[in-house]
Structures are given as C-alpha cells and as structure tokens.
C-alpha cells in the first residue's frame, strides 16, 4: 500500500469505503497505475477505463 492509502485507512478504519478511479482515455500511464493500486487492495480499489475520451461529464457520471 502507498503511504497515502495507509493514512486514509487509519482515519477511516471504522467506516466502510471504496476507491473508484475512472480513466477517460488517458495515454499517460494512468491505467497502469490504477491496475497497480487495484492489485494492492482489490476489495477497496476499483477502476473503469474508457476506450477513448468521452468527456468529463461521462467520467463523472460513471464514477
């Protein structure tokens, strides 16, 4: 786990939560990073990756 994730987990230890990341067709390695985070904690970290950029509104709606 990353240091940031560990800090959030400490603060929210009595609250059930999940992380959802939406990749809106990014080409900068975002998808690879989301996959890594998911592999570290698949029960809490999820992601959706669009095949192309559909716009901010679609990504927000998806999330």
Protein backbone atom coordinates (compact mmCIF):
# COMPACT_ATOMS: atom_id res chain seq x y z
CA UNK A 1 0.00 0.00 0.00
CA UNK A 2 1.07 3.54 -0.59
CA UNK A 3 1.68 5.88 2.32
CA UNK A 4 -1.34 7.99 1.35
CA UNK A 5 -3.59 4.91 1.29
CA UNK A 6 -2.33 3.82 4.70
CA UNK A 7 -3.07 7.26 6.16
CA UNK A 8 -6.60 7.27 4.77
CA UNK A 9 -7.18 3.74 6.06
CA UNK A 10 -6.11 4.80 9.57
CA UNK A 11 -8.51 7.73 9.59
CA UNK A 12 -11.41 5.71 8.21
CA UNK A 13 -10.83 2.38 9.94
CA UNK A 14 -14.41 2.21 11.28
CA UNK A 15 -16.01 3.35 8.03
CA UNK A 16 -16.57 1.08 5.04
CA UNK A 17 -15.37 2.74 1.84
CA UNK A 18 -14.04 2.04 -1.63
CA UNK A 19 -11.89 3.96 -4.09
CA UNK A 20 -13.22 4.25 -7.65
CA UNK A 21 -10.94 5.62 -10.37
CA UNK A 22 -12.15 6.50 -13.86
CA UNK A 23 -9.67 6.63 -16.73
CA UNK A 24 -11.14 8.78 -19.50
CA UNK A 25 -8.96 7.59 -22.35
CA UNK A 26 -5.71 8.82 -20.82
CA UNK A 27 -2.44 7.92 -22.54
CA UNK A 28 -0.06 8.98 -19.75
CA UNK A 29 0.20 5.71 -17.80
CA UNK A 30 -2.81 6.32 -15.61
CA UNK A 31 -4.33 2.93 -16.40
CA UNK A 32 -1.14 1.11 -15.35
CA UNK A 33 -1.15 2.97 -12.02
CA UNK A 34 -4.81 2.15 -11.42
CA UNK A 35 -4.08 -1.53 -12.11
CA UNK A 36 -1.23 -1.47 -9.57
CA UNK A 37 -3.46 0.09 -6.91
CA UNK A 38 -6.17 -2.46 -7.61
CA UNK A 39 -3.71 -5.33 -7.20
CA UNK A 40 -2.59 -3.95 -3.83
CA UNK A 41 -6.14 -3.89 -2.43
CA UNK A 42 -8.72 -5.38 -4.84
CA UNK A 43 -11.54 -5.27 -2.29
CA UNK A 44 -11.35 -1.48 -1.91
CA UNK A 45 -9.74 -0.18 -5.10
CA UNK A 46 -11.69 -0.35 -8.36
CA UNK A 47 -11.36 1.30 -11.72
CA UNK A 48 -13.10 1.78 -15.04
CA UNK A 49 -11.13 2.56 -18.18
CA UNK A 50 -12.87 4.10 -21.17
CA UNK A 51 -11.71 3.13 -24.65
CA UNK A 52 -11.36 6.82 -25.55
CA UNK A 53 -12.02 10.26 -24.10
CA UNK A 54 -15.78 10.63 -23.70
CA UNK A 55 -15.57 13.87 -21.73
CA UNK A 56 -15.63 14.98 -18.14
CA UNK A 57 -19.38 14.53 -17.73
CA UNK A 58 -19.28 10.86 -18.77
CA UNK A 59 -16.40 10.17 -16.40
CA UNK A 60 -18.16 11.88 -13.50
CA UNK A 61 -21.40 10.03 -14.23
CA UNK A 62 -19.52 6.73 -14.39
CA UNK A 63 -17.83 7.38 -11.06
